[in-house]
Structure formats: C-alpha cells, structure tokens
Amino acid sequence: PSSAAAAEQAAGPGAQTGTAPRDITRGGTCETRDGLTEAVGDIVTVPAGGSATSVAVCPDGMTAVSGGWSTVEPGLVQGVSQRLGSDSWRVVFDNPTAEELSGIAFAYCAGEEE
C-alpha cells in the first residue's frame, strides 16, 4: 500500500491501527492532503516472539507533527510510537504471537518541502 490509509482499507475487518530499537527500516512514500504530508515507512516483518522498528521520514524541510502505525494481521503490540528527531516518526512493534507479522509506521509532516 502507498499510504497508511490504503493499508487500513486493504486490511478490512480485524485490522489494528494506533498512534503512539532493534531492526530499523527507513523509507517509504509520501502523499499530501489537508495541508499535511503523510510519509510512510517501509513495511517491517516482525518475527514470532520478537520486535522490529519502522521509521517514517518526512521530506527535507518538513517537520513530523504526529504519526502512528498500521497492521494487516491482528496480534502486533505497539511498544513505542514517538517522534524521532524533528523529521521522523518511529514505531517499535512487539510480536507476542507464534507467527511472523507485519507493521508499518507513518508520519504526518508540516512545513514547506525543500
């Protein structure tokens, strides 16, 4: 999915979303709406009984004003969901299940892109 909203829509019933360091993944795509740019981190795979971190990074010159996360499969627990520096949002996922699960972080960014 190209955005957290698309990930939620694709997930359907049972999807878990929320707002709130181990393996870190940085990157993703951006979409602008309502005056904010939504930066989406890469999808991370969280091993059974393990943890993983996804980081959504705002475009150059923009500030992360909020953020959150999304999953498709139920079961992941958000360990941390917080701003990282001034331009990123970090989410640490904990997986208490016996199966591998996936999660994604997103950031809402304000300001003028350089």
C-alpha atoms as a PDB file:
ATOM      1  CA  PRO A   1       0.000   0.000   0.000  1.00  0.00           C
ATOM      2  CA  SER A   2       1.150   3.522  -0.751  1.00  0.00           C
ATOM      3  CA  SER A   3      -0.224   5.025   2.463  1.00  0.00           C
ATOM      4  CA  ALA A   4      -1.335   4.056   5.939  1.00  0.00           C
ATOM      5  CA  ALA A   5      -4.931   4.804   4.929  1.00  0.00           C
ATOM      6  CA  ALA A   6      -4.591   2.415   1.994  1.00  0.00           C
ATOM      7  CA  ALA A   7      -3.115  -0.216   4.309  1.00  0.00           C
ATOM      8  CA  GLU A   8      -6.108   0.140   6.630  1.00  0.00           C
ATOM      9  CA  GLN A   9      -8.562  -0.065   3.739  1.00  0.00           C
ATOM     10  CA  ALA A  10      -6.832  -3.140   2.336  1.00  0.00           C
ATOM     11  CA  ALA A  11      -6.800  -4.762   5.761  1.00  0.00           C
ATOM     12  CA  GLY A  12     -10.559  -4.846   6.226  1.00  0.00           C
ATOM     13  CA  PRO A  13     -12.193  -6.166   9.398  1.00  0.00           C
ATOM     14  CA  GLY A  14      -9.807  -7.070  12.197  1.00  0.00           C
ATOM     15  CA  ALA A  15      -7.097  -4.603  11.161  1.00  0.00           C
ATOM     16  CA  GLN A  16      -5.337  -2.838  14.007  1.00  0.00           C
ATOM     17  CA  THR A  17      -4.156   0.751  13.871  1.00  0.00           C
ATOM     18  CA  GLY A  18      -2.926   3.124  16.526  1.00  0.00           C
ATOM     19  CA  THR A  19      -0.988   6.235  17.334  1.00  0.00           C
ATOM     20  CA  ALA A  20       1.771   6.266  19.682  1.00  0.00           C
ATOM     21  CA  PRO A  21      15.415  -0.138  18.893  1.00  0.00           C
ATOM     22  CA  ARG A  22      16.016  -3.029  17.205  1.00  0.00           C
ATOM     23  CA  ASP A  23      15.950  -3.652  13.418  1.00  0.00           C
ATOM     24  CA  ILE A  24      15.267  -0.256  11.818  1.00  0.00           C
ATOM     25  CA  THR A  25      13.843   0.284   8.345  1.00  0.00           C
ATOM     26  CA  ARG A  26      13.669   3.775   6.835  1.00  0.00           C
ATOM     27  CA  GLY A  27      11.981   4.885   3.655  1.00  0.00           C
ATOM     28  CA  GLY A  28       8.560   4.862   2.048  1.00  0.00           C
ATOM     29  CA  THR A  29       6.314   7.125   0.026  1.00  0.00           C
ATOM     30  CA  CYS A  30       4.551  10.440   0.653  1.00  0.00           C
ATOM     31  CA  GLU A  31       1.045  11.742  -0.038  1.00  0.00           C
ATOM     32  CA  THR A  32      -0.190  15.313   0.635  1.00  0.00           C
ATOM     33  CA  ARG A  33      -3.726  16.123   1.808  1.00  0.00           C
ATOM     34  CA  ASP A  34      -5.412  18.561   4.180  1.00  0.00           C
ATOM     35  CA  GLY A  35      -2.212  20.630   4.358  1.00  0.00           C
ATOM     36  CA  LEU A  36      -0.156  17.753   5.767  1.00  0.00           C
ATOM     37  CA  THR A  37       2.114  15.315   4.007  1.00  0.00           C
ATOM     38  CA  GLU A  38       1.801  11.684   5.064  1.00  0.00           C
ATOM     39  CA  ALA A  39       5.185   9.944   4.966  1.00  0.00           C
ATOM     40  CA  VAL A  40       5.034   6.160   5.094  1.00  0.00           C
ATOM     41  CA  GLY A  41       7.843   3.939   6.322  1.00  0.00           C
ATOM     42  CA  ASP A  42       8.665   0.556   4.867  1.00  0.00           C
ATOM     43  CA  ILE A  43       6.666  -2.465   5.977  1.00  0.00           C
ATOM     44  CA  VAL A  44       8.638  -4.412   8.576  1.00  0.00           C
ATOM     45  CA  THR A  45       8.356  -8.114   9.264  1.00  0.00           C
ATOM     46  CA  VAL A  46       8.209  -8.862  12.981  1.00  0.00           C
ATOM     47  CA  PRO A  47       9.356 -12.385  13.873  1.00  0.00           C
ATOM     48  CA  ALA A  48       7.330 -14.555  16.238  1.00  0.00           C
ATOM     49  CA  GLY A  49       8.170 -13.520  19.800  1.00  0.00           C
ATOM     50  CA  GLY A  50      10.350 -10.663  18.530  1.00  0.00           C
ATOM     51  CA  SER A  51      10.381  -6.942  17.814  1.00  0.00           C
ATOM     52  CA  ALA A  52      11.067  -4.680  14.839  1.00  0.00           C
ATOM     53  CA  THR A  53      11.086  -0.932  14.196  1.00  0.00           C
ATOM     54  CA  SER A  54       9.697   1.059  11.274  1.00  0.00           C
ATOM     55  CA  VAL A  55      10.576   4.743  10.780  1.00  0.00           C
ATOM     56  CA  ALA A  56       8.642   7.137   8.549  1.00  0.00           C
ATOM     57  CA  VAL A  57      10.794  10.087   7.428  1.00  0.00           C
ATOM     58  CA  CYS A  58       9.338  13.439   6.333  1.00  0.00           C
ATOM     59  CA  PRO A  59      10.611  15.081   3.135  1.00  0.00           C
ATOM     60  CA  ASP A  60      13.528  17.517   3.546  1.00  0.00           C
ATOM     61  CA  GLY A  61      12.462  20.764   5.207  1.00  0.00           C
ATOM     62  CA  MET A  62       9.330  19.314   6.816  1.00  0.00           C
ATOM     63  CA  THR A  63       8.632  18.540  10.494  1.00  0.00           C
ATOM     64  CA  ALA A  64       6.861  15.461  11.873  1.00  0.00           C
ATOM     65  CA  VAL A  65       3.876  16.760  13.863  1.00  0.00           C
ATOM     66  CA  SER A  66       2.210  13.407  14.513  1.00  0.00           C
ATOM     67  CA  GLY A  67       2.362   9.794  13.463  1.00  0.00           C
ATOM     68  CA  GLY A  68       1.127   6.304  14.006  1.00  0.00           C
ATOM     69  CA  TRP A  69       1.074   2.780  12.699  1.00  0.00           C
ATOM     70  CA  SER A  70      -0.969   0.168  10.902  1.00  0.00           C
ATOM     71  CA  THR A  71      -1.013  -3.614  10.602  1.00  0.00           C
ATOM     72  CA  VAL A  72      -2.921  -6.043   8.431  1.00  0.00           C
ATOM     73  CA  GLU A  73      -2.872  -9.063  10.725  1.00  0.00           C
ATOM     74  CA  PRO A  74      -4.110  -8.827  14.323  1.00  0.00           C
ATOM     75  CA  GLY A  75      -1.630  -9.591  17.085  1.00  0.00           C
ATOM     76  CA  LEU A  76       1.122  -6.957  16.955  1.00  0.00           C
ATOM     77  CA  VAL A  77       1.569  -4.741  20.001  1.00  0.00           C
ATOM     78  CA  GLN A  78       2.881  -1.185  19.718  1.00  0.00           C
ATOM     79  CA  GLY A  79       5.828  -0.919  22.084  1.00  0.00           C
ATOM     80  CA  VAL A  80       6.809   2.652  21.154  1.00  0.00           C
ATOM     81  CA  SER A  81       5.204   5.241  18.866  1.00  0.00           C
ATOM     82  CA  GLN A  82       7.028   8.571  19.046  1.00  0.00           C
ATOM     83  CA  ARG A  83       8.666  11.389  17.145  1.00  0.00           C
ATOM     84  CA  LEU A  84      12.299  10.685  16.303  1.00  0.00           C
ATOM     85  CA  GLY A  85      14.260  13.909  15.896  1.00  0.00           C
ATOM     86  CA  SER A  86      12.256  16.638  14.184  1.00  0.00           C
ATOM     87  CA  ASP A  87      11.507  14.909  10.887  1.00  0.00           C
ATOM     88  CA  SER A  88      10.602  11.278  11.643  1.00  0.00           C
ATOM     89  CA  TRP A  89       8.140   9.026  13.459  1.00  0.00           C
ATOM     90  CA  ARG A  90       9.334   5.741  14.969  1.00  0.00           C
ATOM     91  CA  VAL A  91       7.216   2.734  15.866  1.00  0.00           C
ATOM     92  CA  VAL A  92       8.556  -0.329  17.678  1.00  0.00           C
ATOM     93  CA  PHE A  93       6.353  -3.373  17.149  1.00  0.00           C
ATOM     94  CA  ASP A  94       6.359  -6.303  19.587  1.00  0.00           C
ATOM     95  CA  ASN A  95       5.009  -9.648  18.403  1.00  0.00           C
ATOM     96  CA  PRO A  96       3.783 -11.905  21.220  1.00  0.00           C
ATOM     97  CA  THR A  97       2.310 -14.439  18.764  1.00  0.00           C
ATOM     98  CA  ALA A  98       3.808 -17.628  17.348  1.00  0.00           C
ATOM     99  CA  GLU A  99       3.557 -16.279  13.772  1.00  0.00           C
ATOM    100  CA  GLU A 100       5.524 -13.730  11.742  1.00  0.00           C
ATOM    101  CA  LEU A 101       3.508 -10.480  11.362  1.00  0.00           C
ATOM    102  CA  SER A 102       3.966  -7.148   9.535  1.00  0.00           C
ATOM    103  CA  GLY A 103       3.596  -3.497  10.530  1.00  0.00           C
ATOM    104  CA  ILE A 104       4.171  -0.037   9.064  1.00  0.00           C
ATOM    105  CA  ALA A 105       4.822   3.422  10.557  1.00  0.00           C
ATOM    106  CA  PHE A 106       3.597   6.722   9.168  1.00  0.00           C
ATOM    107  CA  ALA A 107       4.287  10.381   9.956  1.00  0.00           C
ATOM    108  CA  TYR A 108       2.196  13.487   9.353  1.00  0.00           C
ATOM    109  CA  CYS A 109       4.535  16.252   8.204  1.00  0.00           C
ATOM    110  CA  ALA A 110       4.070  20.035   8.100  1.00  0.00           C
ATOM    111  CA  GLY A 111       6.078  22.830   6.523  1.00  0.00           C
ATOM    112  CA  GLU A 112       7.498  23.535   3.119  1.00  0.00           C
ATOM    113  CA  GLU A 113       9.311  20.787   1.273  1.00  0.00           C
ATOM    114  CA  GLU A 114      12.811  21.818   0.132  1.00  0.00           C
END
